[in-house]
C-alpha atoms as a PDB file:
ATOM      1  CA  UNK A   1      -7.236 -20.906   7.092  1.00  0.00           C
ATOM      2  CA  UNK A   2      -7.463 -24.293   5.455  1.00  0.00           C
ATOM      3  CA  UNK A   3      -5.298 -26.208   7.921  1.00  0.00           C
ATOM      4  CA  UNK A   4      -6.648 -29.470   9.268  1.00  0.00           C
ATOM      5  CA  UNK A   5      -5.879 -32.509  11.404  1.00  0.00           C
ATOM      6  CA  UNK A   6      -7.565 -35.770  10.416  1.00  0.00           C
ATOM      7  CA  UNK A   7      -7.610 -38.784  12.747  1.00  0.00           C
ATOM      8  CA  UNK A   8      -8.885 -42.127  11.454  1.00  0.00           C
ATOM      9  CA  UNK A   9      -9.014 -45.546  13.110  1.00  0.00           C
ATOM     10  CA  UNK A  10      -9.045 -48.740  11.046  1.00  0.00           C
ATOM     11  CA  UNK A  11      -9.440 -52.423  11.914  1.00  0.00           C
ATOM     12  CA  UNK A  12      -7.604 -54.957   9.763  1.00  0.00           C
ATOM     13  CA  UNK A  13      -9.104 -58.438   9.731  1.00  0.00           C
ATOM     14  CA  UNK A  14      -7.555 -60.857   7.280  1.00  0.00           C
ATOM     15  CA  UNK A  15      -7.690 -59.114   3.920  1.00  0.00           C
ATOM     16  CA  UNK A  16     -10.326 -56.494   4.777  1.00  0.00           C
ATOM     17  CA  UNK A  17      -9.864 -53.003   6.207  1.00  0.00           C
ATOM     18  CA  UNK A  18     -12.787 -51.414   8.047  1.00  0.00           C
ATOM     19  CA  UNK A  19     -12.983 -47.798   9.247  1.00  0.00           C
ATOM     20  CA  UNK A  20     -13.899 -47.396  12.934  1.00  0.00           C
ATOM     21  CA  UNK A  21     -16.205 -45.775  13.759  1.00  0.00           C
ATOM     22  CA  UNK A  22     -18.180 -46.245  10.572  1.00  0.00           C
ATOM     23  CA  UNK A  23     -19.162 -42.560  10.671  1.00  0.00           C
ATOM     24  CA  UNK A  24     -15.733 -41.726   9.263  1.00  0.00           C
ATOM     25  CA  UNK A  25     -12.655 -39.837  10.383  1.00  0.00           C
ATOM     26  CA  UNK A  26     -12.418 -37.023  12.914  1.00  0.00           C
ATOM     27  CA  UNK A  27     -11.620 -33.642  11.367  1.00  0.00           C
ATOM     28  CA  UNK A  28     -10.357 -30.852  13.590  1.00  0.00           C
ATOM     29  CA  UNK A  29     -11.498 -28.086  11.217  1.00  0.00           C
ATOM     30  CA  UNK A  30     -13.156 -30.064   8.373  1.00  0.00           C
ATOM     31  CA  UNK A  31     -11.150 -28.197   5.702  1.00  0.00           C
ATOM     32  CA  UNK A  32      -9.385 -31.111   3.969  1.00  0.00           C
ATOM     33  CA  UNK A  33     -10.211 -34.660   2.936  1.00  0.00           C
ATOM     34  CA  UNK A  34      -8.166 -37.703   3.822  1.00  0.00           C
ATOM     35  CA  UNK A  35      -5.832 -39.042   1.157  1.00  0.00           C
ATOM     36  CA  UNK A  36      -6.232 -42.547   2.596  1.00  0.00           C
ATOM     37  CA  UNK A  37      -9.179 -44.871   2.041  1.00  0.00           C
ATOM     38  CA  UNK A  38      -9.747 -48.412   3.311  1.00  0.00           C
ATOM     39  CA  UNK A  39      -9.110 -49.662  -0.245  1.00  0.00           C
ATOM     40  CA  UNK A  40      -5.778 -47.808  -0.434  1.00  0.00           C
ATOM     41  CA  UNK A  41      -4.649 -49.235   2.911  1.00  0.00           C
ATOM     42  CA  UNK A  42      -5.828 -52.708   1.909  1.00  0.00           C
ATOM     43  CA  UNK A  43      -3.722 -52.570  -1.254  1.00  0.00           C
ATOM     44  CA  UNK A  44      -0.632 -51.905   0.903  1.00  0.00           C
ATOM     45  CA  UNK A  45      -1.163 -54.894   3.219  1.00  0.00           C
ATOM     46  CA  UNK A  46       1.100 -57.905   3.006  1.00  0.00           C
ATOM     47  CA  UNK A  47      -0.678 -61.159   2.197  1.00  0.00           C
ATOM     48  CA  UNK A  48      -1.432 -63.040   5.397  1.00  0.00           C
ATOM     49  CA  UNK A  49      -1.033 -59.976   7.615  1.00  0.00           C
ATOM     50  CA  UNK A  50      -2.301 -60.543  11.167  1.00  0.00           C
ATOM     51  CA  UNK A  51      -5.366 -58.821  12.566  1.00  0.00           C
ATOM     52  CA  UNK A  52      -4.489 -55.344  13.770  1.00  0.00           C
ATOM     53  CA  UNK A  53      -5.780 -51.931  14.704  1.00  0.00           C
ATOM     54  CA  UNK A  54      -4.387 -48.926  12.860  1.00  0.00           C
ATOM     55  CA  UNK A  55      -4.367 -45.264  13.877  1.00  0.00           C
ATOM     56  CA  UNK A  56      -3.815 -42.817  11.019  1.00  0.00           C
ATOM     57  CA  UNK A  57      -3.107 -39.141  11.739  1.00  0.00           C
ATOM     58  CA  UNK A  58      -2.846 -36.631   8.875  1.00  0.00           C
ATOM     59  CA  UNK A  59      -1.798 -33.008   9.326  1.00  0.00           C
ATOM     60  CA  UNK A  60      -2.393 -30.387   6.623  1.00  0.00           C
ATOM     61  CA  UNK A  61      -0.677 -27.031   7.101  1.00  0.00           C
ATOM     62  CA  UNK A  62      -0.583 -24.015   4.829  1.00  0.00           C
ATOM     63  CA  UNK A  63       2.834 -22.398   4.973  1.00  0.00           C
ATOM     64  CA  UNK A  64       2.765 -18.722   4.053  1.00  0.00           C
ATOM     65  CA  UNK A  65       6.081 -17.824   2.458  1.00  0.00           C
ATOM     66  CA  UNK A  66       8.065 -15.275   4.417  1.00  0.00           C
ATOM     67  CA  UNK A  67       9.828 -13.683   1.458  1.00  0.00           C
ATOM     68  CA  UNK A  68       7.223 -14.471  -1.240  1.00  0.00           C
ATOM     69  CA  UNK A  69       9.785 -13.907  -3.969  1.00  0.00           C
ATOM     70  CA  UNK A  70       7.967 -12.734  -7.119  1.00  0.00           C
ATOM     71  CA  UNK A  71      10.036 -14.810  -9.566  1.00  0.00           C
ATOM     72  CA  UNK A  72       8.943 -17.981  -7.745  1.00  0.00           C
ATOM     73  CA  UNK A  73       5.242 -17.108  -7.953  1.00  0.00           C
ATOM     74  CA  UNK A  74       4.636 -18.949 -11.277  1.00  0.00           C
ATOM     75  CA  UNK A  75       6.127 -22.148  -9.834  1.00  0.00           C
ATOM     76  CA  UNK A  76       5.427 -22.145  -6.097  1.00  0.00           C
ATOM     77  CA  UNK A  77       2.002 -21.155  -4.760  1.00  0.00           C
ATOM     78  CA  UNK A  78       1.610 -18.983  -1.693  1.00  0.00           C
ATOM     79  CA  UNK A  79       0.612 -20.490   0.680  1.00  0.00           C
ATOM     80  CA  UNK A  80       2.209 -23.917   0.148  1.00  0.00           C
ATOM     81  CA  UNK A  81       0.140 -26.860   1.392  1.00  0.00           C
ATOM     82  CA  UNK A  82       2.319 -29.164   3.498  1.00  0.00           C
ATOM     83  CA  UNK A  83       0.919 -32.596   4.311  1.00  0.00           C
ATOM     84  CA  UNK A  84       2.348 -35.068   6.803  1.00  0.00           C
ATOM     85  CA  UNK A  85       0.916 -38.335   8.040  1.00  0.00           C
ATOM     86  CA  UNK A  86       1.773 -41.154  10.388  1.00  0.00           C
ATOM     87  CA  UNK A  87       0.416 -44.680  10.674  1.00  0.00           C
ATOM     88  CA  UNK A  88       0.790 -46.545  13.952  1.00  0.00           C
ATOM     89  CA  UNK A  89      -0.669 -49.609  15.680  1.00  0.00           C
ATOM     90  CA  UNK A  90      -3.665 -49.196  17.976  1.00  0.00           C
ATOM     91  CA  UNK A  91      -4.479 -52.230  20.102  1.00  0.00           C
ATOM     92  CA  UNK A  92      -7.904 -50.830  21.065  1.00  0.00           C
ATOM     93  CA  UNK A  93      -9.055 -51.180  17.438  1.00  0.00           C
ATOM     94  CA  UNK A  94      -7.876 -54.775  16.936  1.00  0.00           C
ATOM     95  CA  UNK A  95     -10.725 -57.039  15.833  1.00  0.00           C
ATOM     96  CA  UNK A  96     -11.250 -60.447  17.416  1.00  0.00           C
ATOM     97  CA  UNK A  97      -9.666 -62.946  15.015  1.00  0.00           C
ATOM     98  CA  UNK A  98      -9.840 -66.691  15.254  1.00  0.00           C
END
């Protein structure tokens, strides 16, 4: 199986995004890589955003088709990789801002 759950914590201080801990994200099975980087998150921040902690959870799931219809095989792989993510605040990761 190539399913995975990736949990990453980030600290946002001014215009910089830092991964916490610096060792990187937690992978449940270490089968996938995160689609988010500190640079990608930083590019999505609003100018003047307050200091914050961010928790990012990504879930990768391979869905094995039940019918596996042969005429869909050239267009839809089996299994189909489904990816979902959520981003939420995490007060424990907030940096001290002045």
